[in-house]
Amino acid sequence: MDPVWKALSDPTRRAILDLLRDHARTTTELVEAFPHITRFGVMKHLEVLREAHLVQTHAAGRRRVNSLNVVPIRQIYERWVSPFHELWSSELLRIKELAEEEESGRKDRKEGGRRRSK
């Protein structure tokens, strides 16, 4: 999983993945999307993404078509995010319940004060 983290650590590589999330693109389309980077630079980024199995490339005639492989990202989610999801959800639910109890207590105190003043 270390190659995936390395690949995701670079903002240009994340931008490439964002483009590929929409649909597969040729290497030329990706190069054109990053005019501030040379073709060689984009191809180096693609190589890092391929080594991390985040991008799959196949030949279509003379073109190379790159597509997103979501499996490594899903594995990261399942390993690092999913276990905390339940914790976060239960903590947020607890905060919601405490806030509702506090709000209910304020309403009760307010209504009790109105009854006494009548």
PDB file of N, CA and C in Angstrom:
ATOM      1  N   MET A   1       0.815  -1.200   0.000  1.00  0.00           N
ATOM      2  CA  MET A   1       0.000   0.000   0.000  1.00  0.00           C
ATOM      3  C   MET A   1       0.858   1.263   0.000  1.00  0.00           C
ATOM      4  N   ASP A   2       2.140   1.160   0.323  1.00  0.00           N
ATOM      5  CA  ASP A   2       3.007   2.329   0.317  1.00  0.00           C
ATOM      6  C   ASP A   2       3.080   3.021  -1.043  1.00  0.00           C
ATOM      7  N   PRO A   3       3.157   2.277  -2.168  1.00  0.00           N
ATOM      8  CA  PRO A   3       3.167   2.969  -3.465  1.00  0.00           C
ATOM      9  C   PRO A   3       1.900   3.798  -3.703  1.00  0.00           C
ATOM     10  N   VAL A   4       0.784   3.346  -3.157  1.00  0.00           N
ATOM     11  CA  VAL A   4      -0.467   4.091  -3.322  1.00  0.00           C
ATOM     12  C   VAL A   4      -0.379   5.413  -2.564  1.00  0.00           C
ATOM     13  N   TRP A   5       0.093   5.371  -1.332  1.00  0.00           N
ATOM     14  CA  TRP A   5       0.239   6.601  -0.548  1.00  0.00           C
ATOM     15  C   TRP A   5       1.203   7.552  -1.234  1.00  0.00           C
ATOM     16  N   LYS A   6       2.313   7.015  -1.755  1.00  0.00           N
ATOM     17  CA  LYS A   6       3.285   7.852  -2.462  1.00  0.00           C
ATOM     18  C   LYS A   6       2.622   8.502  -3.670  1.00  0.00           C
ATOM     19  N   ALA A   7       1.878   7.723  -4.424  1.00  0.00           N
ATOM     20  CA  ALA A   7       1.214   8.249  -5.616  1.00  0.00           C
ATOM     21  C   ALA A   7       0.200   9.328  -5.253  1.00  0.00           C
ATOM     22  N   LEU A   8      -0.537   9.113  -4.192  1.00  0.00           N
ATOM     23  CA  LEU A   8      -1.576  10.074  -3.788  1.00  0.00           C
ATOM     24  C   LEU A   8      -0.999  11.322  -3.121  1.00  0.00           C
ATOM     25  N   SER A   9       0.265  11.290  -2.754  1.00  0.00           N
ATOM     26  CA  SER A   9       0.855  12.424  -2.039  1.00  0.00           C
ATOM     27  C   SER A   9       1.110  13.630  -2.939  1.00  0.00           C
ATOM     28  N   ASP A  10       1.095  13.418  -4.244  1.00  0.00           N
ATOM     29  CA  ASP A  10       1.407  14.504  -5.170  1.00  0.00           C
ATOM     30  C   ASP A  10       0.129  15.123  -5.739  1.00  0.00           C
ATOM     31  N   PRO A  11      -0.006  16.456  -5.676  1.00  0.00           N
ATOM     32  CA  PRO A  11      -1.236  17.098  -6.171  1.00  0.00           C
ATOM     33  C   PRO A  11      -1.463  16.913  -7.677  1.00  0.00           C
ATOM     34  N   THR A  12      -0.410  16.849  -8.457  1.00  0.00           N
ATOM     35  CA  THR A  12      -0.587  16.631  -9.895  1.00  0.00           C
ATOM     36  C   THR A  12      -1.148  15.242 -10.151  1.00  0.00           C
ATOM     37  N   ARG A  13      -0.652  14.253  -9.449  1.00  0.00           N
ATOM     38  CA  ARG A  13      -1.167  12.889  -9.633  1.00  0.00           C
ATOM     39  C   ARG A  13      -2.615  12.791  -9.172  1.00  0.00           C
ATOM     40  N   ARG A  14      -2.947  13.493  -8.095  1.00  0.00           N
ATOM     41  CA  ARG A  14      -4.357  13.502  -7.663  1.00  0.00           C
ATOM     42  C   ARG A  14      -5.230  14.179  -8.717  1.00  0.00           C
ATOM     43  N   ALA A  15      -4.720  15.224  -9.347  1.00  0.00           N
ATOM     44  CA  ALA A  15      -5.478  15.905 -10.409  1.00  0.00           C
ATOM     45  C   ALA A  15      -5.676  14.975 -11.612  1.00  0.00           C
ATOM     46  N   ILE A  16      -4.664  14.200 -11.943  1.00  0.00           N
ATOM     47  CA  ILE A  16      -4.799  13.219 -13.026  1.00  0.00           C
ATOM     48  C   ILE A  16      -5.893  12.212 -12.673  1.00  0.00           C
ATOM     49  N   LEU A  17      -5.884  11.725 -11.441  1.00  0.00           N
ATOM     50  CA  LEU A  17      -6.915  10.768 -11.016  1.00  0.00           C
ATOM     51  C   LEU A  17      -8.301  11.399 -11.069  1.00  0.00           C
ATOM     52  N   ASP A  18      -8.392  12.684 -10.707  1.00  0.00           N
ATOM     53  CA  ASP A  18      -9.684  13.373 -10.788  1.00  0.00           C
ATOM     54  C   ASP A  18     -10.196  13.400 -12.229  1.00  0.00           C
ATOM     55  N   LEU A  19      -9.304  13.663 -13.169  1.00  0.00           N
ATOM     56  CA  LEU A  19      -9.710  13.656 -14.584  1.00  0.00           C
ATOM     57  C   LEU A  19     -10.148  12.265 -15.026  1.00  0.00           C
ATOM     58  N   LEU A  20      -9.420  11.261 -14.593  1.00  0.00           N
ATOM     59  CA  LEU A  20      -9.738   9.889 -15.000  1.00  0.00           C
ATOM     60  C   LEU A  20     -11.003   9.365 -14.318  1.00  0.00           C
ATOM     61  N   ARG A  21     -11.383   9.987 -13.217  1.00  0.00           N
ATOM     62  CA  ARG A  21     -12.614   9.570 -12.538  1.00  0.00           C
ATOM     63  C   ARG A  21     -13.820   9.792 -13.443  1.00  0.00           C
ATOM     64  N   ASP A  22     -13.774  10.861 -14.244  1.00  0.00           N
ATOM     65  CA  ASP A  22     -14.883  11.167 -15.152  1.00  0.00           C
ATOM     66  C   ASP A  22     -14.978  10.150 -16.281  1.00  0.00           C
ATOM     67  N   HIS A  23     -13.836   9.850 -16.908  1.00  0.00           N
ATOM     68  CA  HIS A  23     -13.794   8.848 -17.985  1.00  0.00           C
ATOM     69  C   HIS A  23     -12.341   8.606 -18.378  1.00  0.00           C
ATOM     70  N   ALA A  24     -12.114   7.515 -19.077  1.00  0.00           N
ATOM     71  CA  ALA A  24     -10.765   7.179 -19.545  1.00  0.00           C
ATOM     72  C   ALA A  24     -10.292   8.259 -20.515  1.00  0.00           C
ATOM     73  N   ARG A  25      -8.985   8.501 -20.520  1.00  0.00           N
ATOM     74  CA  ARG A  25      -8.411   9.527 -21.396  1.00  0.00           C
ATOM     75  C   ARG A  25      -7.113   9.023 -22.001  1.00  0.00           C
ATOM     76  N   THR A  26      -6.826   9.512 -23.183  1.00  0.00           N
ATOM     77  CA  THR A  26      -5.550   9.164 -23.804  1.00  0.00           C
ATOM     78  C   THR A  26      -4.442   9.938 -23.102  1.00  0.00           C
ATOM     79  N   THR A  27      -3.235   9.473 -23.286  1.00  0.00           N
ATOM     80  CA  THR A  27      -2.088  10.183 -22.712  1.00  0.00           C
ATOM     81  C   THR A  27      -2.020  11.593 -23.280  1.00  0.00           C
ATOM     82  N   THR A  28      -2.300  11.760 -24.548  1.00  0.00           N
ATOM     83  CA  THR A  28      -2.287  13.093 -25.164  1.00  0.00           C
ATOM     84  C   THR A  28      -3.311  14.010 -24.499  1.00  0.00           C
ATOM     85  N   GLU A  29      -4.507  13.511 -24.206  1.00  0.00           N
ATOM     86  CA  GLU A  29      -5.520  14.325 -23.525  1.00  0.00           C
ATOM     87  C   GLU A  29      -5.026  14.754 -22.144  1.00  0.00           C
ATOM     88  N   LEU A  30      -4.357  13.855 -21.447  1.00  0.00           N
ATOM     89  CA  LEU A  30      -3.828  14.204 -20.124  1.00  0.00           C
ATOM     90  C   LEU A  30      -2.712  15.241 -20.234  1.00  0.00           C
ATOM     91  N   VAL A  31      -1.847  15.075 -21.223  1.00  0.00           N
ATOM     92  CA  VAL A  31      -0.769  16.054 -21.429  1.00  0.00           C
ATOM     93  C   VAL A  31      -1.375  17.429 -21.708  1.00  0.00           C
ATOM     94  N   GLU A  32      -2.407  17.488 -22.525  1.00  0.00           N
ATOM     95  CA  GLU A  32      -3.058  18.755 -22.856  1.00  0.00           C
ATOM     96  C   GLU A  32      -3.750  19.381 -21.646  1.00  0.00           C
ATOM     97  N   ALA A  33      -4.160  18.562 -20.694  1.00  0.00           N
ATOM     98  CA  ALA A  33      -4.825  19.070 -19.488  1.00  0.00           C
ATOM     99  C   ALA A  33      -3.842  19.729 -18.521  1.00  0.00           C
ATOM    100  N   PHE A  34      -2.552  19.493 -18.728  1.00  0.00           N
ATOM    101  CA  PHE A  34      -1.519  20.048 -17.851  1.00  0.00           C
ATOM    102  C   PHE A  34      -0.481  20.790 -18.694  1.00  0.00           C
ATOM    103  N   PRO A  35      -0.851  21.958 -19.221  1.00  0.00           N
ATOM    104  CA  PRO A  35       0.067  22.672 -20.123  1.00  0.00           C
ATOM    105  C   PRO A  35       1.351  23.162 -19.447  1.00  0.00           C
ATOM    106  N   HIS A  36       1.338  23.247 -18.136  1.00  0.00           N
ATOM    107  CA  HIS A  36       2.520  23.714 -17.399  1.00  0.00           C
ATOM    108  C   HIS A  36       3.534  22.591 -17.155  1.00  0.00           C
ATOM    109  N   ILE A  37       3.192  21.367 -17.568  1.00  0.00           N
ATOM    110  CA  ILE A  37       4.085  20.216 -17.382  1.00  0.00           C
ATOM    111  C   ILE A  37       4.425  19.646 -18.757  1.00  0.00           C
ATOM    112  N   THR A  38       5.653  19.220 -18.920  1.00  0.00           N
ATOM    113  CA  THR A  38       6.042  18.611 -20.191  1.00  0.00           C
ATOM    114  C   THR A  38       5.362  17.257 -20.365  1.00  0.00           C
ATOM    115  N   ARG A  39       5.326  16.789 -21.587  1.00  0.00           N
ATOM    116  CA  ARG A  39       4.777  15.450 -21.869  1.00  0.00           C
ATOM    117  C   ARG A  39       5.534  14.407 -21.051  1.00  0.00           C
ATOM    118  N   PHE A  40       6.856  14.544 -21.006  1.00  0.00           N
ATOM    119  CA  PHE A  40       7.669  13.611 -20.227  1.00  0.00           C
ATOM    120  C   PHE A  40       7.264  13.645 -18.754  1.00  0.00           C
ATOM    121  N   GLY A  41       7.010  14.836 -18.222  1.00  0.00           N
ATOM    122  CA  GLY A  41       6.603  14.959 -16.814  1.00  0.00           C
ATOM    123  C   GLY A  41       5.281  14.267 -16.540  1.00  0.00           C
ATOM    124  N   VAL A  42       4.311  14.464 -17.415  1.00  0.00           N
ATOM    125  CA  VAL A  42       3.010  13.794 -17.255  1.00  0.00           C
ATOM    126  C   VAL A  42       3.185  12.281 -17.339  1.00  0.00           C
ATOM    127  N   MET A  43       4.011  11.833 -18.277  1.00  0.00           N
ATOM    128  CA  MET A  43       4.229  10.393 -18.420  1.00  0.00           C
ATOM    129  C   MET A  43       4.907   9.806 -17.185  1.00  0.00           C
ATOM    130  N   LYS A  44       5.798  10.562 -16.543  1.00  0.00           N
ATOM    131  CA  LYS A  44       6.424  10.095 -15.287  1.00  0.00           C
ATOM    132  C   LYS A  44       5.361   9.961 -14.191  1.00  0.00           C
ATOM    133  N   HIS A  45       4.459  10.938 -14.111  1.00  0.00           N
ATOM    134  CA  HIS A  45       3.374  10.856 -13.125  1.00  0.00           C
ATOM    135  C   HIS A  45       2.493   9.640 -13.407  1.00  0.00           C
ATOM    136  N   LEU A  46       2.186   9.412 -14.673  1.00  0.00           N
ATOM    137  CA  LEU A  46       1.380   8.237 -15.033  1.00  0.00           C
ATOM    138  C   LEU A  46       2.079   6.945 -14.651  1.00  0.00           C
ATOM    139  N   GLU A  47       3.371   6.911 -14.804  1.00  0.00           N
ATOM    140  CA  GLU A  47       4.128   5.707 -14.439  1.00  0.00           C
ATOM    141  C   GLU A  47       4.020   5.427 -12.942  1.00  0.00           C
ATOM    142  N   VAL A  48       4.138   6.465 -12.124  1.00  0.00           N
ATOM    143  CA  VAL A  48       3.983   6.290 -10.669  1.00  0.00           C
ATOM    144  C   VAL A  48       2.582   5.776 -10.358  1.00  0.00           C
ATOM    145  N   LEU A  49       1.576   6.324 -11.026  1.00  0.00           N
ATOM    146  CA  LEU A  49       0.196   5.886 -10.811  1.00  0.00           C
ATOM    147  C   LEU A  49      -0.007   4.446 -11.278  1.00  0.00           C
ATOM    148  N   ARG A  50       0.633   4.061 -12.368  1.00  0.00           N
ATOM    149  CA  ARG A  50       0.536   2.665 -12.836  1.00  0.00           C
ATOM    150  C   ARG A  50       1.214   1.713 -11.859  1.00  0.00           C
ATOM    151  N   GLU A  51       2.394   2.094 -11.357  1.00  0.00           N
ATOM    152  CA  GLU A  51       3.105   1.240 -10.392  1.00  0.00           C
ATOM    153  C   GLU A  51       2.291   1.032  -9.115  1.00  0.00           C
ATOM    154  N   ALA A  52       1.483   2.027  -8.779  1.00  0.00           N
ATOM    155  CA  ALA A  52       0.614   1.913  -7.601  1.00  0.00           C
ATOM    156  C   ALA A  52      -0.708   1.231  -7.945  1.00  0.00           C
ATOM    157  N   HIS A  53      -0.861   0.822  -9.207  1.00  0.00           N
ATOM    158  CA  HIS A  53      -2.078   0.168  -9.712  1.00  0.00           C
ATOM    159  C   HIS A  53      -3.304   1.069  -9.633  1.00  0.00           C
ATOM    160  N   LEU A  54      -3.076   2.391  -9.608  1.00  0.00           N
ATOM    161  CA  LEU A  54      -4.185   3.338  -9.605  1.00  0.00           C
ATOM    162  C   LEU A  54      -4.660   3.659 -11.018  1.00  0.00           C
ATOM    163  N   VAL A  55      -3.784   3.445 -11.991  1.00  0.00           N
ATOM    164  CA  VAL A  55      -4.126   3.697 -13.393  1.00  0.00           C
ATOM    165  C   VAL A  55      -3.788   2.456 -14.202  1.00  0.00           C
ATOM    166  N   GLN A  56      -4.701   2.130 -15.090  1.00  0.00           N
ATOM    167  CA  GLN A  56      -4.469   1.035 -16.032  1.00  0.00           C
ATOM    168  C   GLN A  56      -4.376   1.651 -17.423  1.00  0.00           C
ATOM    169  N   THR A  57      -3.424   1.186 -18.197  1.00  0.00           N
ATOM    170  CA  THR A  57      -3.209   1.726 -19.538  1.00  0.00           C
ATOM    171  C   THR A  57      -3.268   0.590 -20.548  1.00  0.00           C
ATOM    172  N   HIS A  58      -3.988   0.839 -21.631  1.00  0.00           N
ATOM    173  CA  HIS A  58      -3.996  -0.145 -22.722  1.00  0.00           C
ATOM    174  C   HIS A  58      -3.861   0.592 -24.051  1.00  0.00           C
ATOM    175  N   ALA A  59      -3.316  -0.118 -25.012  1.00  0.00           N
ATOM    176  CA  ALA A  59      -3.123   0.456 -26.341  1.00  0.00           C
ATOM    177  C   ALA A  59      -4.413   0.344 -27.139  1.00  0.00           C
ATOM    178  N   ALA A  60      -4.718   1.421 -27.843  1.00  0.00           N
ATOM    179  CA  ALA A  60      -5.857   1.438 -28.765  1.00  0.00           C
ATOM    180  C   ALA A  60      -5.314   1.996 -30.077  1.00  0.00           C
ATOM    181  N   GLY A  61      -4.792   1.114 -30.892  1.00  0.00           N
ATOM    182  CA  GLY A  61      -4.096   1.555 -32.103  1.00  0.00           C
ATOM    183  C   GLY A  61      -2.786   2.212 -31.689  1.00  0.00           C
ATOM    184  N   ARG A  62      -2.595   3.441 -32.121  1.00  0.00           N
ATOM    185  CA  ARG A  62      -1.373   4.162 -31.759  1.00  0.00           C
ATOM    186  C   ARG A  62      -1.539   4.957 -30.457  1.00  0.00           C
ATOM    187  N   ARG A  63      -2.718   4.957 -29.928  1.00  0.00           N
ATOM    188  CA  ARG A  63      -2.986   5.723 -28.707  1.00  0.00           C
ATOM    189  C   ARG A  63      -2.882   4.829 -27.477  1.00  0.00           C
ATOM    190  N   ARG A  64      -2.532   5.470 -26.358  1.00  0.00           N
ATOM    191  CA  ARG A  64      -2.542   4.765 -25.070  1.00  0.00           C
ATOM    192  C   ARG A  64      -3.678   5.367 -24.241  1.00  0.00           C
ATOM    193  N   VAL A  65      -4.599   4.515 -23.841  1.00  0.00           N
ATOM    194  CA  VAL A  65      -5.775   4.960 -23.102  1.00  0.00           C
ATOM    195  C   VAL A  65      -5.571   4.615 -21.620  1.00  0.00           C
ATOM    196  N   ASN A  66      -5.736   5.620 -20.790  1.00  0.00           N
ATOM    197  CA  ASN A  66      -5.539   5.479 -19.342  1.00  0.00           C
ATOM    198  C   ASN A  66      -6.891   5.528 -18.640  1.00  0.00           C
ATOM    199  N   SER A  67      -7.075   4.626 -17.699  1.00  0.00           N
ATOM    200  CA  SER A  67      -8.320   4.614 -16.932  1.00  0.00           C
ATOM    201  C   SER A  67      -8.008   4.428 -15.448  1.00  0.00           C
ATOM    202  N   LEU A  68      -8.929   4.896 -14.647  1.00  0.00           N
ATOM    203  CA  LEU A  68      -8.787   4.819 -13.198  1.00  0.00           C
ATOM    204  C   LEU A  68      -9.098   3.410 -12.707  1.00  0.00           C
ATOM    205  N   ASN A  69      -8.259   2.907 -11.811  1.00  0.00           N
ATOM    206  CA  ASN A  69      -8.524   1.640 -11.135  1.00  0.00           C
ATOM    207  C   ASN A  69      -8.848   1.998  -9.686  1.00  0.00           C
ATOM    208  N   VAL A  70     -10.086   1.833  -9.287  1.00  0.00           N
ATOM    209  CA  VAL A  70     -10.517   2.273  -7.958  1.00  0.00           C
ATOM    210  C   VAL A  70     -10.202   1.269  -6.847  1.00  0.00           C
ATOM    211  N   VAL A  71      -9.759   0.077  -7.209  1.00  0.00           N
ATOM    212  CA  VAL A  71      -9.537  -0.965  -6.200  1.00  0.00           C
ATOM    213  C   VAL A  71      -8.551  -0.522  -5.107  1.00  0.00           C
ATOM    214  N   PRO A  72      -7.372   0.027  -5.434  1.00  0.00           N
ATOM    215  CA  PRO A  72      -6.463   0.439  -4.355  1.00  0.00           C
ATOM    216  C   PRO A  72      -7.054   1.528  -3.452  1.00  0.00           C
ATOM    217  N   ILE A  73      -7.844   2.429  -4.046  1.00  0.00           N
ATOM    218  CA  ILE A  73      -8.473   3.483  -3.235  1.00  0.00           C
ATOM    219  C   ILE A  73      -9.517   2.865  -2.316  1.00  0.00           C
ATOM    220  N   ARG A  74     -10.243   1.898  -2.831  1.00  0.00           N
ATOM    221  CA  ARG A  74     -11.235   1.192  -2.006  1.00  0.00           C
ATOM    222  C   ARG A  74     -10.549   0.455  -0.853  1.00  0.00           C
ATOM    223  N   GLN A  75      -9.391  -0.147  -1.142  1.00  0.00           N
ATOM    224  CA  GLN A  75      -8.647  -0.846  -0.098  1.00  0.00           C
ATOM    225  C   GLN A  75      -8.199   0.128   0.997  1.00  0.00           C
ATOM    226  N   ILE A  76      -7.765   1.311   0.604  1.00  0.00           N
ATOM    227  CA  ILE A  76      -7.386   2.330   1.597  1.00  0.00           C
ATOM    228  C   ILE A  76      -8.598   2.716   2.420  1.00  0.00           C
ATOM    229  N   TYR A  77      -9.721   2.917   1.749  1.00  0.00           N
ATOM    230  CA  TYR A  77     -10.945   3.269   2.461  1.00  0.00           C
ATOM    231  C   TYR A  77     -11.305   2.195   3.488  1.00  0.00           C
ATOM    232  N   GLU A  78     -11.288   0.946   3.045  1.00  0.00           N
ATOM    233  CA  GLU A  78     -11.666  -0.147   3.945  1.00  0.00           C
ATOM    234  C   GLU A  78     -10.685  -0.297   5.102  1.00  0.00           C
ATOM    235  N   ARG A  79      -9.401  -0.047   4.842  1.00  0.00           N
ATOM    236  CA  ARG A  79      -8.386  -0.221   5.888  1.00  0.00           C
ATOM    237  C   ARG A  79      -8.304   0.970   6.838  1.00  0.00           C
ATOM    238  N   TRP A  80      -8.400   2.196   6.295  1.00  0.00           N
ATOM    239  CA  TRP A  80      -8.116   3.379   7.103  1.00  0.00           C
ATOM    240  C   TRP A  80      -9.322   4.248   7.422  1.00  0.00           C
ATOM    241  N   VAL A  81     -10.354   4.220   6.606  1.00  0.00           N
ATOM    242  CA  VAL A  81     -11.490   5.103   6.843  1.00  0.00           C
ATOM    243  C   VAL A  81     -12.658   4.351   7.454  1.00  0.00           C
ATOM    244  N   SER A  82     -12.993   3.231   6.866  1.00  0.00           N
ATOM    245  CA  SER A  82     -14.158   2.471   7.305  1.00  0.00           C
ATOM    246  C   SER A  82     -14.154   2.132   8.801  1.00  0.00           C
ATOM    247  N   PRO A  83     -13.023   1.683   9.367  1.00  0.00           N
ATOM    248  CA  PRO A  83     -13.057   1.356  10.794  1.00  0.00           C
ATOM    249  C   PRO A  83     -13.403   2.556  11.685  1.00  0.00           C
ATOM    250  N   PHE A  84     -13.075   3.747  11.204  1.00  0.00           N
ATOM    251  CA  PHE A  84     -13.363   4.943  11.999  1.00  0.00           C
ATOM    252  C   PHE A  84     -14.747   5.497  11.724  1.00  0.00           C
ATOM    253  N   HIS A  85     -15.355   5.048  10.630  1.00  0.00           N
ATOM    254  CA  HIS A  85     -16.680   5.534  10.268  1.00  0.00           C
ATOM    255  C   HIS A  85     -17.683   5.273  11.386  1.00  0.00           C
ATOM    256  N   GLU A  86     -17.677   4.047  11.922  1.00  0.00           N
ATOM    257  CA  GLU A  86     -18.610   3.706  12.998  1.00  0.00           C
ATOM    258  C   GLU A  86     -18.321   4.544  14.238  1.00  0.00           C
ATOM    259  N   LEU A  87     -17.042   4.727  14.540  1.00  0.00           N
ATOM    260  CA  LEU A  87     -16.667   5.562  15.687  1.00  0.00           C
ATOM    261  C   LEU A  87     -17.176   6.982  15.490  1.00  0.00           C
ATOM    262  N   TRP A  88     -16.929   7.546  14.309  1.00  0.00           N
ATOM    263  CA  TRP A  88     -17.384   8.914  14.038  1.00  0.00           C
ATOM    264  C   TRP A  88     -18.904   8.993  14.112  1.00  0.00           C
ATOM    265  N   SER A  89     -19.574   8.016  13.529  1.00  0.00           N
ATOM    266  CA  SER A  89     -21.036   8.020  13.525  1.00  0.00           C
ATOM    267  C   SER A  89     -21.580   7.946  14.936  1.00  0.00           C
ATOM    268  N   SER A  90     -21.029   7.071  15.760  1.00  0.00           N
ATOM    269  CA  SER A  90     -21.533   6.942  17.125  1.00  0.00           C
ATOM    270  C   SER A  90     -21.239   8.195  17.941  1.00  0.00           C
ATOM    271  N   GLU A  91     -20.066   8.805  17.713  1.00  0.00           N
ATOM    272  CA  GLU A  91     -19.738  10.043  18.422  1.00  0.00           C
ATOM    273  C   GLU A  91     -20.661  11.183  17.995  1.00  0.00           C
ATOM    274  N   LEU A  92     -20.922  11.286  16.706  1.00  0.00           N
ATOM    275  CA  LEU A  92     -21.824  12.329  16.219  1.00  0.00           C
ATOM    276  C   LEU A  92     -23.242  12.111  16.740  1.00  0.00           C
ATOM    277  N   LEU A  93     -23.670  10.868  16.805  1.00  0.00           N
ATOM    278  CA  LEU A  93     -24.988  10.563  17.343  1.00  0.00           C
ATOM    279  C   LEU A  93     -25.051  10.943  18.817  1.00  0.00           C
ATOM    280  N   ARG A  94     -23.979  10.660  19.558  1.00  0.00           N
ATOM    281  CA  ARG A  94     -23.939  11.020  20.981  1.00  0.00           C
ATOM    282  C   ARG A  94     -24.009  12.542  21.153  1.00  0.00           C
ATOM    283  N   ILE A  95     -23.286  13.278  20.328  1.00  0.00           N
ATOM    284  CA  ILE A  95     -23.314  14.744  20.396  1.00  0.00           C
ATOM    285  C   ILE A  95     -24.718  15.256  20.077  1.00  0.00           C
ATOM    286  N   LYS A  96     -25.350  14.668  19.067  1.00  0.00           N
ATOM    287  CA  LYS A  96     -26.718  15.059  18.697  1.00  0.00           C
ATOM    288  C   LYS A  96     -27.672  14.825  19.865  1.00  0.00           C
ATOM    289  N   GLU A  97     -27.560  13.650  20.494  1.00  0.00           N
ATOM    290  CA  GLU A  97     -28.448  13.338  21.626  1.00  0.00           C
ATOM    291  C   GLU A  97     -28.223  14.309  22.785  1.00  0.00           C
ATOM    292  N   LEU A  98     -26.955  14.622  23.080  1.00  0.00           N
ATOM    293  CA  LEU A  98     -26.670  15.575  24.148  1.00  0.00           C
ATOM    294  C   LEU A  98     -27.233  16.952  23.832  1.00  0.00           C
ATOM    295  N   ALA A  99     -27.092  17.391  22.588  1.00  0.00           N
ATOM    296  CA  ALA A  99     -27.622  18.693  22.179  1.00  0.00           C
ATOM    297  C   ALA A  99     -29.143  18.714  22.291  1.00  0.00           C
ATOM    298  N   GLU A 100     -29.801  17.617  21.898  1.00  0.00           N
ATOM    299  CA  GLU A 100     -31.253  17.547  21.992  1.00  0.00           C
ATOM    300  C   GLU A 100     -31.709  17.536  23.444  1.00  0.00           C
ATOM    301  N   GLU A 101     -30.974  16.834  24.296  1.00  0.00           N
ATOM    302  CA  GLU A 101     -31.317  16.825  25.724  1.00  0.00           C
ATOM    303  C   GLU A 101     -31.175  18.230  26.314  1.00  0.00           C
ATOM    304  N   GLU A 102     -30.093  18.901  25.958  1.00  0.00           N
ATOM    305  CA  GLU A 102     -29.864  20.257  26.456  1.00  0.00           C
ATOM    306  C   GLU A 102     -30.955  21.205  25.964  1.00  0.00           C
ATOM    307  N   GLU A 103     -31.322  21.096  24.703  1.00  0.00           N
ATOM    308  CA  GLU A 103     -32.381  21.937  24.135  1.00  0.00           C
ATOM    309  C   GLU A 103     -33.710  21.651  24.822  1.00  0.00           C
ATOM    310  N   SER A 104     -33.979  20.377  25.059  1.00  0.00           N
ATOM    311  CA  SER A 104     -35.214  19.991  25.738  1.00  0.00           C
ATOM    312  C   SER A 104     -35.238  20.556  27.153  1.00  0.00           C
ATOM    313  N   GLY A 105     -34.107  20.500  27.842  1.00  0.00           N
ATOM    314  CA  GLY A 105     -34.015  21.065  29.190  1.00  0.00           C
ATOM    315  C   GLY A 105     -34.239  22.559  29.192  1.00  0.00           C
ATOM    316  N   ARG A 106     -33.743  23.265  28.211  1.00  0.00           N
ATOM    317  CA  ARG A 106     -33.964  24.717  28.114  1.00  0.00           C
ATOM    318  C   ARG A 106     -35.432  25.028  27.911  1.00  0.00           C
ATOM    319  N   LYS A 107     -36.084  24.257  27.023  1.00  0.00           N
ATOM    320  CA  LYS A 107     -37.509  24.478  26.764  1.00  0.00           C
ATOM    321  C   LYS A 107     -38.316  24.239  28.034  1.00  0.00           C
ATOM    322  N   ASP A 108     -37.982  23.160  28.757  1.00  0.00           N
ATOM    323  CA  ASP A 108     -38.707  22.852  29.993  1.00  0.00           C
ATOM    324  C   ASP A 108     -38.543  23.982  31.004  1.00  0.00           C
ATOM    325  N   ARG A 109     -37.309  24.484  31.161  1.00  0.00           N
ATOM    326  CA  ARG A 109     -37.059  25.588  32.099  1.00  0.00           C
ATOM    327  C   ARG A 109     -37.794  26.849  31.669  1.00  0.00           C
ATOM    328  N   LYS A 110     -37.814  27.120  30.373  1.00  0.00           N
ATOM    329  CA  LYS A 110     -38.487  28.300  29.847  1.00  0.00           C
ATOM    330  C   LYS A 110     -39.985  28.206  30.095  1.00  0.00           C
ATOM    331  N   GLU A 111     -40.563  27.055  29.778  1.00  0.00           N
ATOM    332  CA  GLU A 111     -42.001  26.858  29.970  1.00  0.00           C
ATOM    333  C   GLU A 111     -42.359  26.894  31.449  1.00  0.00           C
ATOM    334  N   GLY A 112     -41.521  26.366  32.296  1.00  0.00           N
ATOM    335  CA  GLY A 112     -41.761  26.408  33.739  1.00  0.00           C
ATOM    336  C   GLY A 112     -41.732  27.836  34.250  1.00  0.00           C
ATOM    337  N   GLY A 113     -40.861  28.666  33.746  1.00  0.00           N
ATOM    338  CA  GLY A 113     -40.780  30.068  34.131  1.00  0.00           C
ATOM    339  C   GLY A 113     -41.982  30.840  33.684  1.00  0.00           C
ATOM    340  N   ARG A 114     -42.535  30.525  32.533  1.00  0.00           N
ATOM    341  CA  ARG A 114     -43.740  31.202  32.032  1.00  0.00           C
ATOM    342  C   ARG A 114     -44.946  30.842  32.877  1.00  0.00           C
ATOM    343  N   ARG A 115     -45.028  29.569  33.288  1.00  0.00           N
ATOM    344  CA  ARG A 115     -46.177  29.126  34.095  1.00  0.00           C
ATOM    345  C   ARG A 115     -46.182  29.845  35.435  1.00  0.00           C
ATOM    346  N   ARG A 116     -45.013  30.023  36.023  1.00  0.00           N
ATOM    347  CA  ARG A 116     -44.946  30.680  37.337  1.00  0.00           C
ATOM    348  C   ARG A 116     -45.299  32.156  37.245  1.00  0.00           C
ATOM    349  N   SER A 117     -44.974  32.804  36.143  1.00  0.00           N
ATOM    350  CA  SER A 117     -45.201  34.224  36.045  1.00  0.00           C
ATOM    351  C   SER A 117     -46.650  34.580  35.724  1.00  0.00           C
ATOM    352  N   LYS A 118     -47.484  33.597  35.381  1.00  0.00           N
ATOM    353  CA  LYS A 118     -48.882  33.889  35.035  1.00  0.00           C
ATOM    354  C   LYS A 118     -49.731  34.056  36.243  1.00  0.00           C
TER     355      LYS A 118
END
